[in-house]
PDB file of all heavy atoms in Angstrom:
ATOM      1  N   THR A   1       2.829  -0.726  16.223  1.00  0.00           N
ATOM      2  CA  THR A   1       3.628   0.304  15.506  1.00  0.00           C
ATOM      3  C   THR A   1       4.643  -0.379  14.606  1.00  0.00           C
ATOM      4  O   THR A   1       4.687   0.009  13.400  1.00  0.00           O
ATOM      5  CB  THR A   1       4.370   1.210  16.494  1.00  0.00           C
ATOM      6  OG1 THR A   1       3.435   1.793  17.380  1.00  0.00           O
ATOM      7  CG2 THR A   1       5.184   2.297  15.875  1.00  0.00           C
ATOM      8  N   THR A   2       5.312  -1.328  15.099  1.00  0.00           N
ATOM      9  CA  THR A   2       6.304  -2.026  14.236  1.00  0.00           C
ATOM     10  C   THR A   2       5.678  -2.744  13.083  1.00  0.00           C
ATOM     11  O   THR A   2       6.115  -2.698  11.966  1.00  0.00           O
ATOM     12  CB  THR A   2       7.175  -3.030  15.124  1.00  0.00           C
ATOM     13  OG1 THR A   2       7.776  -2.293  16.123  1.00  0.00           O
ATOM     14  CG2 THR A   2       8.139  -3.756  14.295  1.00  0.00           C
ATOM     15  N   ALA A   3       4.536  -3.458  13.332  1.00  0.00           N
ATOM     16  CA  ALA A   3       3.834  -4.178  12.237  1.00  0.00           C
ATOM     17  C   ALA A   3       3.384  -3.068  11.146  1.00  0.00           C
ATOM     18  O   ALA A   3       3.482  -3.444   9.970  1.00  0.00           O
ATOM     19  CB  ALA A   3       2.641  -4.874  12.844  1.00  0.00           C
ATOM     20  N   SER A   4       2.814  -2.052  11.677  1.00  0.00           N
ATOM     21  CA  SER A   4       2.432  -1.033  10.690  1.00  0.00           C
ATOM     22  C   SER A   4       3.559  -0.494   9.773  1.00  0.00           C
ATOM     23  O   SER A   4       3.408  -0.326   8.584  1.00  0.00           O
ATOM     24  CB  SER A   4       1.744   0.136  11.393  1.00  0.00           C
ATOM     25  OG  SER A   4       0.570  -0.267  12.022  1.00  0.00           O
ATOM     26  N   ARG A   5       4.656  -0.206  10.422  1.00  0.00           N
ATOM     27  CA  ARG A   5       5.870   0.204   9.700  1.00  0.00           C
ATOM     28  C   ARG A   5       6.353  -0.788   8.659  1.00  0.00           C
ATOM     29  O   ARG A   5       6.654  -0.514   7.538  1.00  0.00           O
ATOM     30  CB  ARG A   5       6.998   0.558  10.616  1.00  0.00           C
ATOM     31  CG  ARG A   5       6.776   1.781  11.370  1.00  0.00           C
ATOM     32  CD  ARG A   5       7.946   2.240  12.195  1.00  0.00           C
ATOM     33  NE  ARG A   5       7.624   3.443  12.905  1.00  0.00           N
ATOM     34  CZ  ARG A   5       8.037   3.700  14.093  1.00  0.00           C
ATOM     35  NH1 ARG A   5       8.737   2.844  14.785  1.00  0.00           N
ATOM     36  NH2 ARG A   5       7.752   4.844  14.715  1.00  0.00           N
ATOM     37  N   HIS A   6       6.323  -2.080   9.064  1.00  0.00           N
ATOM     38  CA  HIS A   6       6.717  -3.169   8.183  1.00  0.00           C
ATOM     39  C   HIS A   6       5.832  -3.283   6.971  1.00  0.00           C
ATOM     40  O   HIS A   6       6.214  -3.472   5.825  1.00  0.00           O
ATOM     41  CB  HIS A   6       6.838  -4.487   8.850  1.00  0.00           C
ATOM     42  CG  HIS A   6       8.088  -4.545   9.734  1.00  0.00           C
ATOM     43  ND1 HIS A   6       9.370  -4.675   9.178  1.00  0.00           N
ATOM     44  CD2 HIS A   6       8.220  -4.644  11.107  1.00  0.00           C
ATOM     45  CE1 HIS A   6      10.208  -4.762  10.159  1.00  0.00           C
ATOM     46  NE2 HIS A   6       9.547  -4.769  11.374  1.00  0.00           N
ATOM     47  N   ARG A   7       4.513  -3.150   7.299  1.00  0.00           N
ATOM     48  CA  ARG A   7       3.466  -3.252   6.244  1.00  0.00           C
ATOM     49  C   ARG A   7       3.629  -2.063   5.245  1.00  0.00           C
ATOM     50  O   ARG A   7       3.543  -2.258   4.023  1.00  0.00           O
ATOM     51  CB  ARG A   7       2.058  -3.334   6.769  1.00  0.00           C
ATOM     52  CG  ARG A   7       0.981  -3.686   5.827  1.00  0.00           C
ATOM     53  CD  ARG A   7      -0.341  -3.958   6.430  1.00  0.00           C
ATOM     54  NE  ARG A   7      -0.295  -4.617   7.702  1.00  0.00           N
ATOM     55  CZ  ARG A   7      -0.810  -4.122   8.857  1.00  0.00           C
ATOM     56  NH1 ARG A   7      -1.462  -2.940   8.799  1.00  0.00           N
ATOM     57  NH2 ARG A   7      -0.803  -4.764   9.925  1.00  0.00           N
ATOM     58  N   ALA A   8       3.833  -0.880   5.810  1.00  0.00           N
ATOM     59  CA  ALA A   8       4.003   0.335   4.945  1.00  0.00           C
ATOM     60  C   ALA A   8       5.202   0.147   4.075  1.00  0.00           C
ATOM     61  O   ALA A   8       5.207   0.460   2.873  1.00  0.00           O
ATOM     62  CB  ALA A   8       4.165   1.590   5.788  1.00  0.00           C
ATOM     63  N   ALA A   9       6.301  -0.416   4.593  1.00  0.00           N
ATOM     64  CA  ALA A   9       7.528  -0.598   3.815  1.00  0.00           C
ATOM     65  C   ALA A   9       7.269  -1.704   2.750  1.00  0.00           C
ATOM     66  O   ALA A   9       7.720  -1.455   1.600  1.00  0.00           O
ATOM     67  CB  ALA A   9       8.657  -1.125   4.702  1.00  0.00           C
ATOM     68  N   SER A  10       6.562  -2.681   3.031  1.00  0.00           N
ATOM     69  CA  SER A  10       6.178  -3.658   1.978  1.00  0.00           C
ATOM     70  C   SER A  10       5.334  -3.067   0.868  1.00  0.00           C
ATOM     71  O   SER A  10       5.549  -3.335  -0.274  1.00  0.00           O
ATOM     72  CB  SER A  10       5.319  -4.851   2.716  1.00  0.00           C
ATOM     73  OG  SER A  10       4.963  -5.760   1.767  1.00  0.00           O
ATOM     74  N   TYR A  11       4.303  -2.235   1.330  1.00  0.00           N
ATOM     75  CA  TYR A  11       3.508  -1.584   0.232  1.00  0.00           C
ATOM     76  C   TYR A  11       4.350  -0.658  -0.613  1.00  0.00           C
ATOM     77  O   TYR A  11       4.146  -0.534  -1.760  1.00  0.00           O
ATOM     78  CB  TYR A  11       2.450  -0.731   0.934  1.00  0.00           C
ATOM     79  CG  TYR A  11       1.314  -1.633   1.504  1.00  0.00           C
ATOM     80  CD1 TYR A  11       0.415  -1.023   2.444  1.00  0.00           C
ATOM     81  CD2 TYR A  11       1.153  -2.970   1.221  1.00  0.00           C
ATOM     82  CE1 TYR A  11      -0.630  -1.808   3.008  1.00  0.00           C
ATOM     83  CE2 TYR A  11       0.151  -3.732   1.757  1.00  0.00           C
ATOM     84  CZ  TYR A  11      -0.764  -3.130   2.675  1.00  0.00           C
ATOM     85  OH  TYR A  11      -1.747  -3.877   3.240  1.00  0.00           O
ATOM     86  N   ARG A  12       5.332  -0.005  -0.025  1.00  0.00           N
ATOM     87  CA  ARG A  12       6.190   0.960  -0.813  1.00  0.00           C
ATOM     88  C   ARG A  12       7.069   0.162  -1.806  1.00  0.00           C
ATOM     89  O   ARG A  12       7.322   0.592  -2.854  1.00  0.00           O
ATOM     90  CB  ARG A  12       7.022   1.828   0.094  1.00  0.00           C
ATOM     91  CG  ARG A  12       6.165   2.869   0.769  1.00  0.00           C
ATOM     92  CD  ARG A  12       7.069   3.990   1.320  1.00  0.00           C
ATOM     93  NE  ARG A  12       6.202   5.048   1.786  1.00  0.00           N
ATOM     94  CZ  ARG A  12       5.620   5.174   3.007  1.00  0.00           C
ATOM     95  NH1 ARG A  12       5.945   4.281   3.932  1.00  0.00           N
ATOM     96  NH2 ARG A  12       4.820   6.218   3.342  1.00  0.00           N
ATOM     97  N   GLU A  13       7.550  -1.026  -1.325  1.00  0.00           N
ATOM     98  CA  GLU A  13       8.317  -1.866  -2.192  1.00  0.00           C
ATOM     99  C   GLU A  13       7.488  -2.362  -3.400  1.00  0.00           C
ATOM    100  O   GLU A  13       7.992  -2.348  -4.513  1.00  0.00           O
ATOM    101  CB  GLU A  13       8.874  -3.117  -1.394  1.00  0.00           C
ATOM    102  CG  GLU A  13       9.984  -2.709  -0.451  1.00  0.00           C
ATOM    103  CD  GLU A  13      10.375  -3.935   0.353  1.00  0.00           C
ATOM    104  OE1 GLU A  13      10.047  -5.090  -0.005  1.00  0.00           O
ATOM    105  OE2 GLU A  13      11.085  -3.736   1.350  1.00  0.00           O
ATOM    106  N   ARG A  14       6.242  -2.731  -3.196  1.00  0.00           N
ATOM    107  CA  ARG A  14       5.381  -3.188  -4.234  1.00  0.00           C
ATOM    108  C   ARG A  14       5.100  -1.972  -5.180  1.00  0.00           C
ATOM    109  O   ARG A  14       5.102  -2.214  -6.426  1.00  0.00           O
ATOM    110  CB  ARG A  14       4.017  -3.694  -3.643  1.00  0.00           C
ATOM    111  CG  ARG A  14       4.212  -4.963  -2.946  1.00  0.00           C
ATOM    112  CD  ARG A  14       2.911  -5.456  -2.299  1.00  0.00           C
ATOM    113  NE  ARG A  14       3.142  -6.669  -1.411  1.00  0.00           N
ATOM    114  CZ  ARG A  14       2.204  -7.343  -0.958  1.00  0.00           C
ATOM    115  NH1 ARG A  14       0.937  -6.970  -1.128  1.00  0.00           N
ATOM    116  NH2 ARG A  14       2.511  -8.316  -0.063  1.00  0.00           N
ATOM    117  N   ALA A  15       4.920  -0.835  -4.705  1.00  0.00           N
ATOM    118  CA  ALA A  15       4.729   0.377  -5.438  1.00  0.00           C
ATOM    119  C   ALA A  15       5.909   0.608  -6.327  1.00  0.00           C
ATOM    120  O   ALA A  15       5.726   0.833  -7.585  1.00  0.00           O
ATOM    121  CB  ALA A  15       4.447   1.608  -4.690  1.00  0.00           C
ATOM    122  N   MET A  16       7.102   0.428  -5.836  1.00  0.00           N
ATOM    123  CA  MET A  16       8.266   0.702  -6.565  1.00  0.00           C
ATOM    124  C   MET A  16       8.400  -0.360  -7.690  1.00  0.00           C
ATOM    125  O   MET A  16       8.742  -0.045  -8.857  1.00  0.00           O
ATOM    126  CB  MET A  16       9.598   0.608  -5.668  1.00  0.00           C
ATOM    127  CG  MET A  16      10.886   1.058  -6.380  1.00  0.00           C
ATOM    128  SD  MET A  16      12.237   1.252  -5.195  1.00  0.00           S
ATOM    129  CE  MET A  16      12.255  -0.349  -4.395  1.00  0.00           C
ATOM    130  N   LEU A  17       8.133  -1.611  -7.364  1.00  0.00           N
ATOM    131  CA  LEU A  17       8.150  -2.703  -8.324  1.00  0.00           C
ATOM    132  C   LEU A  17       7.183  -2.423  -9.483  1.00  0.00           C
ATOM    133  O   LEU A  17       7.504  -2.594 -10.667  1.00  0.00           O
ATOM    134  CB  LEU A  17       7.919  -4.025  -7.692  1.00  0.00           C
ATOM    135  CG  LEU A  17       7.822  -5.246  -8.647  1.00  0.00           C
ATOM    136  CD1 LEU A  17       9.126  -5.441  -9.341  1.00  0.00           C
ATOM    137  CD2 LEU A  17       7.396  -6.455  -7.841  1.00  0.00           C
ATOM    138  N   LEU A  18       5.971  -2.053  -9.167  1.00  0.00           N
ATOM    139  CA  LEU A  18       4.995  -1.780 -10.080  1.00  0.00           C
ATOM    140  C   LEU A  18       5.347  -0.640 -11.024  1.00  0.00           C
ATOM    141  O   LEU A  18       5.183  -0.580 -12.232  1.00  0.00           O
ATOM    142  CB  LEU A  18       3.609  -1.500  -9.473  1.00  0.00           C
ATOM    143  CG  LEU A  18       2.932  -2.742  -8.908  1.00  0.00           C
ATOM    144  CD1 LEU A  18       1.817  -2.354  -8.007  1.00  0.00           C
ATOM    145  CD2 LEU A  18       2.401  -3.657  -9.957  1.00  0.00           C
ATOM    146  N   SER A  19       6.009   0.408 -10.439  1.00  0.00           N
ATOM    147  CA  SER A  19       6.493   1.608 -11.186  1.00  0.00           C
ATOM    148  C   SER A  19       7.595   1.127 -12.183  1.00  0.00           C
ATOM    149  O   SER A  19       7.633   1.631 -13.377  1.00  0.00           O
ATOM    150  CB  SER A  19       7.003   2.666 -10.314  1.00  0.00           C
ATOM    151  OG  SER A  19       5.975   3.197  -9.549  1.00  0.00           O
ATOM    152  N   GLU A  20       8.480   0.272 -11.729  1.00  0.00           N
ATOM    153  CA  GLU A  20       9.545  -0.267 -12.605  1.00  0.00           C
ATOM    154  C   GLU A  20       8.920  -1.080 -13.759  1.00  0.00           C
ATOM    155  O   GLU A  20       9.355  -0.969 -14.868  1.00  0.00           O
ATOM    156  CB  GLU A  20      10.486  -1.069 -11.776  1.00  0.00           C
ATOM    157  CG  GLU A  20      11.323  -0.219 -10.877  1.00  0.00           C
ATOM    158  CD  GLU A  20      12.253  -1.049  -9.906  1.00  0.00           C
ATOM    159  OE1 GLU A  20      12.136  -2.334  -9.948  1.00  0.00           O
ATOM    160  OE2 GLU A  20      12.985  -0.448  -9.106  1.00  0.00           O
ATOM    161  N   LEU A  21       7.978  -1.887 -13.446  1.00  0.00           N
ATOM    162  CA  LEU A  21       7.278  -2.695 -14.500  1.00  0.00           C
ATOM    163  C   LEU A  21       6.664  -1.720 -15.441  1.00  0.00           C
ATOM    164  O   LEU A  21       6.644  -1.988 -16.702  1.00  0.00           O
ATOM    165  CB  LEU A  21       6.254  -3.625 -13.874  1.00  0.00           C
ATOM    166  CG  LEU A  21       6.757  -4.842 -13.076  1.00  0.00           C
ATOM    167  CD1 LEU A  21       5.662  -5.551 -12.420  1.00  0.00           C
ATOM    168  CD2 LEU A  21       7.552  -5.741 -14.036  1.00  0.00           C
ATOM    169  N   ALA A  22       5.966  -0.687 -15.007  1.00  0.00           N
ATOM    170  CA  ALA A  22       5.294   0.297 -15.898  1.00  0.00           C
ATOM    171  C   ALA A  22       6.351   0.944 -16.809  1.00  0.00           C
ATOM    172  O   ALA A  22       6.072   1.182 -17.973  1.00  0.00           O
ATOM    173  CB  ALA A  22       4.622   1.331 -15.013  1.00  0.00           C
ATOM    174  N   ASP A  23       7.513   1.193 -16.296  1.00  0.00           N
ATOM    175  CA  ASP A  23       8.530   1.833 -17.129  1.00  0.00           C
ATOM    176  C   ASP A  23       8.888   1.026 -18.392  1.00  0.00           C
ATOM    177  O   ASP A  23       9.201   1.526 -19.409  1.00  0.00           O
ATOM    178  CB  ASP A  23       9.896   2.152 -16.359  1.00  0.00           C
ATOM    179  CG  ASP A  23       9.601   3.253 -15.342  1.00  0.00           C
ATOM    180  OD1 ASP A  23       8.721   4.038 -15.504  1.00  0.00           O
ATOM    181  OD2 ASP A  23      10.478   3.325 -14.396  1.00  0.00           O
ATOM    182  N   SER A  24       8.831  -0.325 -18.232  1.00  0.00           N
ATOM    183  CA  SER A  24       9.121  -1.172 -19.316  1.00  0.00           C
ATOM    184  C   SER A  24       7.966  -1.753 -20.099  1.00  0.00           C
ATOM    185  O   SER A  24       8.147  -2.510 -21.016  1.00  0.00           O
ATOM    186  CB  SER A  24      10.031  -2.369 -18.800  1.00  0.00           C
ATOM    187  OG  SER A  24       9.277  -3.169 -17.898  1.00  0.00           O
ATOM    188  N   GLU A  25       6.770  -1.262 -19.766  1.00  0.00           N
ATOM    189  CA  GLU A  25       5.560  -1.750 -20.409  1.00  0.00           C
ATOM    190  C   GLU A  25       5.279  -0.949 -21.702  1.00  0.00           C
ATOM    191  O   GLU A  25       5.109   0.304 -21.605  1.00  0.00           O
ATOM    192  CB  GLU A  25       4.285  -1.654 -19.479  1.00  0.00           C
ATOM    193  CG  GLU A  25       3.045  -2.022 -20.076  1.00  0.00           C
ATOM    194  CD  GLU A  25       3.043  -3.401 -20.671  1.00  0.00           C
ATOM    195  OE1 GLU A  25       3.305  -4.356 -19.928  1.00  0.00           O
ATOM    196  OE2 GLU A  25       2.691  -3.536 -21.872  1.00  0.00           O
ATOM    197  N   PRO A  26       5.301  -1.643 -22.810  1.00  0.00           N
ATOM    198  CA  PRO A  26       5.121  -0.899 -24.082  1.00  0.00           C
ATOM    199  C   PRO A  26       3.626  -0.443 -24.382  1.00  0.00           C
ATOM    200  O   PRO A  26       3.405   0.507 -25.090  1.00  0.00           O
ATOM    201  CB  PRO A  26       5.563  -1.856 -25.148  1.00  0.00           C
ATOM    202  CG  PRO A  26       5.471  -3.215 -24.533  1.00  0.00           C
ATOM    203  CD  PRO A  26       5.595  -2.991 -23.082  1.00  0.00           C
ATOM    204  N   ILE A  27       2.620  -1.171 -23.719  1.00  0.00           N
ATOM    205  CA  ILE A  27       1.253  -0.834 -24.035  1.00  0.00           C
ATOM    206  C   ILE A  27       0.786   0.231 -23.031  1.00  0.00           C
ATOM    207  O   ILE A  27       0.844   0.018 -21.804  1.00  0.00           O
ATOM    208  CB  ILE A  27       0.425  -2.121 -23.870  1.00  0.00           C
ATOM    209  CG1 ILE A  27       0.900  -3.149 -24.897  1.00  0.00           C
ATOM    210  CG2 ILE A  27      -1.124  -1.789 -24.042  1.00  0.00           C
ATOM    211  CD1 ILE A  27       0.276  -4.548 -24.806  1.00  0.00           C
ATOM    212  N   ALA A  28       0.359   1.317 -23.572  1.00  0.00           N
ATOM    213  CA  ALA A  28       0.021   2.523 -22.719  1.00  0.00           C
ATOM    214  C   ALA A  28      -1.064   2.248 -21.705  1.00  0.00           C
ATOM    215  O   ALA A  28      -0.939   2.663 -20.525  1.00  0.00           O
ATOM    216  CB  ALA A  28      -0.417   3.644 -23.585  1.00  0.00           C
ATOM    217  N   LYS A  29      -2.068   1.469 -22.122  1.00  0.00           N
ATOM    218  CA  LYS A  29      -3.175   1.245 -21.135  1.00  0.00           C
ATOM    219  C   LYS A  29      -2.702   0.375 -19.941  1.00  0.00           C
ATOM    220  O   LYS A  29      -2.966   0.651 -18.840  1.00  0.00           O
ATOM    221  CB  LYS A  29      -4.290   0.440 -21.844  1.00  0.00           C
ATOM    222  CG  LYS A  29      -5.476   0.235 -20.963  1.00  0.00           C
ATOM    223  CD  LYS A  29      -6.625  -0.372 -21.762  1.00  0.00           C
ATOM    224  CE  LYS A  29      -7.842  -0.623 -20.827  1.00  0.00           C
ATOM    225  NZ  LYS A  29      -9.011  -1.175 -21.599  1.00  0.00           N
ATOM    226  N   ARG A  30      -1.893  -0.630 -20.232  1.00  0.00           N
ATOM    227  CA  ARG A  30      -1.280  -1.433 -19.180  1.00  0.00           C
ATOM    228  C   ARG A  30      -0.333  -0.593 -18.310  1.00  0.00           C
ATOM    229  O   ARG A  30      -0.256  -0.842 -17.089  1.00  0.00           O
ATOM    230  CB  ARG A  30      -0.645  -2.712 -19.674  1.00  0.00           C
ATOM    231  CG  ARG A  30      -1.682  -3.665 -20.286  1.00  0.00           C
ATOM    232  CD  ARG A  30      -0.900  -4.946 -20.676  1.00  0.00           C
ATOM    233  NE  ARG A  30      -1.858  -5.838 -21.285  1.00  0.00           N
ATOM    234  CZ  ARG A  30      -1.569  -6.757 -22.131  1.00  0.00           C
ATOM    235  NH1 ARG A  30      -0.367  -6.948 -22.494  1.00  0.00           N
ATOM    236  NH2 ARG A  30      -2.533  -7.581 -22.683  1.00  0.00           N
ATOM    237  N   ARG A  31       0.474   0.203 -18.894  1.00  0.00           N
ATOM    238  CA  ARG A  31       1.373   1.104 -18.168  1.00  0.00           C
ATOM    239  C   ARG A  31       0.624   1.931 -17.258  1.00  0.00           C
ATOM    240  O   ARG A  31       1.002   2.081 -16.065  1.00  0.00           O
ATOM    241  CB  ARG A  31       2.250   1.909 -19.173  1.00  0.00           C
ATOM    242  CG  ARG A  31       3.257   2.680 -18.574  1.00  0.00           C
ATOM    243  CD  ARG A  31       4.223   3.432 -19.549  1.00  0.00           C
ATOM    244  NE  ARG A  31       3.527   4.038 -20.602  1.00  0.00           N
ATOM    245  CZ  ARG A  31       3.601   3.682 -21.878  1.00  0.00           C
ATOM    246  NH1 ARG A  31       4.309   2.544 -22.165  1.00  0.00           N
ATOM    247  NH2 ARG A  31       2.947   4.281 -22.853  1.00  0.00           N
ATOM    248  N   ALA A  32      -0.502   2.511 -17.663  1.00  0.00           N
ATOM    249  CA  ALA A  32      -1.306   3.368 -16.832  1.00  0.00           C
ATOM    250  C   ALA A  32      -1.949   2.594 -15.700  1.00  0.00           C
ATOM    251  O   ALA A  32      -1.969   3.111 -14.554  1.00  0.00           O
ATOM    252  CB  ALA A  32      -2.381   4.048 -17.662  1.00  0.00           C
ATOM    253  N   GLN A  33      -2.316   1.318 -15.942  1.00  0.00           N
ATOM    254  CA  GLN A  33      -2.909   0.501 -14.925  1.00  0.00           C
ATOM    255  C   GLN A  33      -1.841   0.216 -13.833  1.00  0.00           C
ATOM    256  O   GLN A  33      -2.173   0.184 -12.630  1.00  0.00           O
ATOM    257  CB  GLN A  33      -3.459  -0.755 -15.510  1.00  0.00           C
ATOM    258  CG  GLN A  33      -4.756  -0.550 -16.330  1.00  0.00           C
ATOM    259  CD  GLN A  33      -5.182  -1.804 -17.105  1.00  0.00           C
ATOM    260  OE1 GLN A  33      -4.319  -2.653 -17.404  1.00  0.00           O
ATOM    261  NE2 GLN A  33      -6.480  -1.927 -17.325  1.00  0.00           N
ATOM    262  N   LEU A  34      -0.607  -0.172 -14.217  1.00  0.00           N
ATOM    263  CA  LEU A  34       0.411  -0.434 -13.319  1.00  0.00           C
ATOM    264  C   LEU A  34       0.744   0.801 -12.485  1.00  0.00           C
ATOM    265  O   LEU A  34       0.974   0.680 -11.244  1.00  0.00           O
ATOM    266  CB  LEU A  34       1.679  -0.887 -14.099  1.00  0.00           C
ATOM    267  CG  LEU A  34       1.599  -2.284 -14.728  1.00  0.00           C
ATOM    268  CD1 LEU A  34       2.750  -2.555 -15.679  1.00  0.00           C
ATOM    269  CD2 LEU A  34       1.570  -3.326 -13.605  1.00  0.00           C
ATOM    270  N   LEU A  35       0.803   1.955 -13.107  1.00  0.00           N
ATOM    271  CA  LEU A  35       1.073   3.217 -12.336  1.00  0.00           C
ATOM    272  C   LEU A  35       0.003   3.481 -11.370  1.00  0.00           C
ATOM    273  O   LEU A  35       0.189   3.975 -10.283  1.00  0.00           O
ATOM    274  CB  LEU A  35       1.277   4.355 -13.264  1.00  0.00           C
ATOM    275  CG  LEU A  35       2.672   4.319 -14.110  1.00  0.00           C
ATOM    276  CD1 LEU A  35       2.690   5.398 -15.094  1.00  0.00           C
ATOM    277  CD2 LEU A  35       3.850   4.384 -13.200  1.00  0.00           C
ATOM    278  N   ASP A  36      -1.245   3.191 -11.804  1.00  0.00           N
ATOM    279  CA  ASP A  36      -2.392   3.389 -10.871  1.00  0.00           C
ATOM    280  C   ASP A  36      -2.243   2.522  -9.680  1.00  0.00           C
ATOM    281  O   ASP A  36      -2.501   2.940  -8.529  1.00  0.00           O
ATOM    282  CB  ASP A  36      -3.751   3.145 -11.631  1.00  0.00           C
ATOM    283  CG  ASP A  36      -4.912   3.459 -10.729  1.00  0.00           C
ATOM    284  OD1 ASP A  36      -5.038   4.584 -10.198  1.00  0.00           O
ATOM    285  OD2 ASP A  36      -5.772   2.549 -10.673  1.00  0.00           O
ATOM    286  N   LEU A  37      -1.983   1.235  -9.878  1.00  0.00           N
ATOM    287  CA  LEU A  37      -1.798   0.313  -8.788  1.00  0.00           C
ATOM    288  C   LEU A  37      -0.641   0.783  -7.890  1.00  0.00           C
ATOM    289  O   LEU A  37      -0.742   0.720  -6.656  1.00  0.00           O
ATOM    290  CB  LEU A  37      -1.488  -1.070  -9.326  1.00  0.00           C
ATOM    291  CG  LEU A  37      -2.681  -1.855  -9.856  1.00  0.00           C
ATOM    292  CD1 LEU A  37      -2.185  -3.170 -10.494  1.00  0.00           C
ATOM    293  CD2 LEU A  37      -3.653  -2.132  -8.724  1.00  0.00           C
ATOM    294  N   ALA A  38       0.475   1.241  -8.493  1.00  0.00           N
ATOM    295  CA  ALA A  38       1.579   1.801  -7.671  1.00  0.00           C
ATOM    296  C   ALA A  38       1.118   2.955  -6.792  1.00  0.00           C
ATOM    297  O   ALA A  38       1.480   2.976  -5.620  1.00  0.00           O
ATOM    298  CB  ALA A  38       2.713   2.184  -8.607  1.00  0.00           C
ATOM    299  N   GLU A  39       0.357   3.764  -7.426  1.00  0.00           N
ATOM    300  CA  GLU A  39      -0.196   4.977  -6.630  1.00  0.00           C
ATOM    301  C   GLU A  39      -1.048   4.496  -5.436  1.00  0.00           C
ATOM    302  O   GLU A  39      -0.994   5.052  -4.359  1.00  0.00           O
ATOM    303  CB  GLU A  39      -0.997   5.873  -7.510  1.00  0.00           C
ATOM    304  CG  GLU A  39      -1.319   7.207  -6.908  1.00  0.00           C
ATOM    305  CD  GLU A  39      -1.990   8.074  -7.917  1.00  0.00           C
ATOM    306  OE1 GLU A  39      -1.502   8.340  -8.957  1.00  0.00           O
ATOM    307  OE2 GLU A  39      -3.160   8.566  -7.638  1.00  0.00           O
ATOM    308  N   GLN A  40      -1.855   3.437  -5.696  1.00  0.00           N
ATOM    309  CA  GLN A  40      -2.708   3.009  -4.694  1.00  0.00           C
ATOM    310  C   GLN A  40      -1.923   2.334  -3.481  1.00  0.00           C
ATOM    311  O   GLN A  40      -2.260   2.532  -2.260  1.00  0.00           O
ATOM    312  CB  GLN A  40      -3.722   1.945  -5.276  1.00  0.00           C
ATOM    313  CG  GLN A  40      -4.793   2.551  -6.096  1.00  0.00           C
ATOM    314  CD  GLN A  40      -5.631   1.443  -6.667  1.00  0.00           C
ATOM    315  OE1 GLN A  40      -6.112   0.510  -6.005  1.00  0.00           O
ATOM    316  NE2 GLN A  40      -5.969   1.578  -7.987  1.00  0.00           N
ATOM    317  N   TYR A  41      -0.871   1.661  -3.891  1.00  0.00           N
ATOM    318  CA  TYR A  41       0.018   1.106  -2.809  1.00  0.00           C
ATOM    319  C   TYR A  41       0.666   2.147  -2.017  1.00  0.00           C
ATOM    320  O   TYR A  41       0.843   2.097  -0.747  1.00  0.00           O
ATOM    321  CB  TYR A  41       1.062   0.101  -3.430  1.00  0.00           C
ATOM    322  CG  TYR A  41       0.605  -1.302  -3.495  1.00  0.00           C
ATOM    323  CD1 TYR A  41       0.239  -1.907  -4.726  1.00  0.00           C
ATOM    324  CD2 TYR A  41       0.349  -2.060  -2.320  1.00  0.00           C
ATOM    325  CE1 TYR A  41      -0.179  -3.161  -4.790  1.00  0.00           C
ATOM    326  CE2 TYR A  41      -0.114  -3.416  -2.408  1.00  0.00           C
ATOM    327  CZ  TYR A  41      -0.344  -3.906  -3.651  1.00  0.00           C
ATOM    328  OH  TYR A  41      -0.859  -5.201  -3.745  1.00  0.00           O
TER     329      TYR A  41
END
C-alpha cells in the first residue's frame, strides 16, 4: 500500500512537471505531446 502511494505520488509529480513544460513549449505539436504524456502519468 505504501509503495503504491509513493509510486502514484511520483507519477503525479511527473505529470505536473510535464504540464509545466507544456505551458512554456512554443511548438504546438510538442506541447500536445507533453500534455498527452502528463495525462498518461
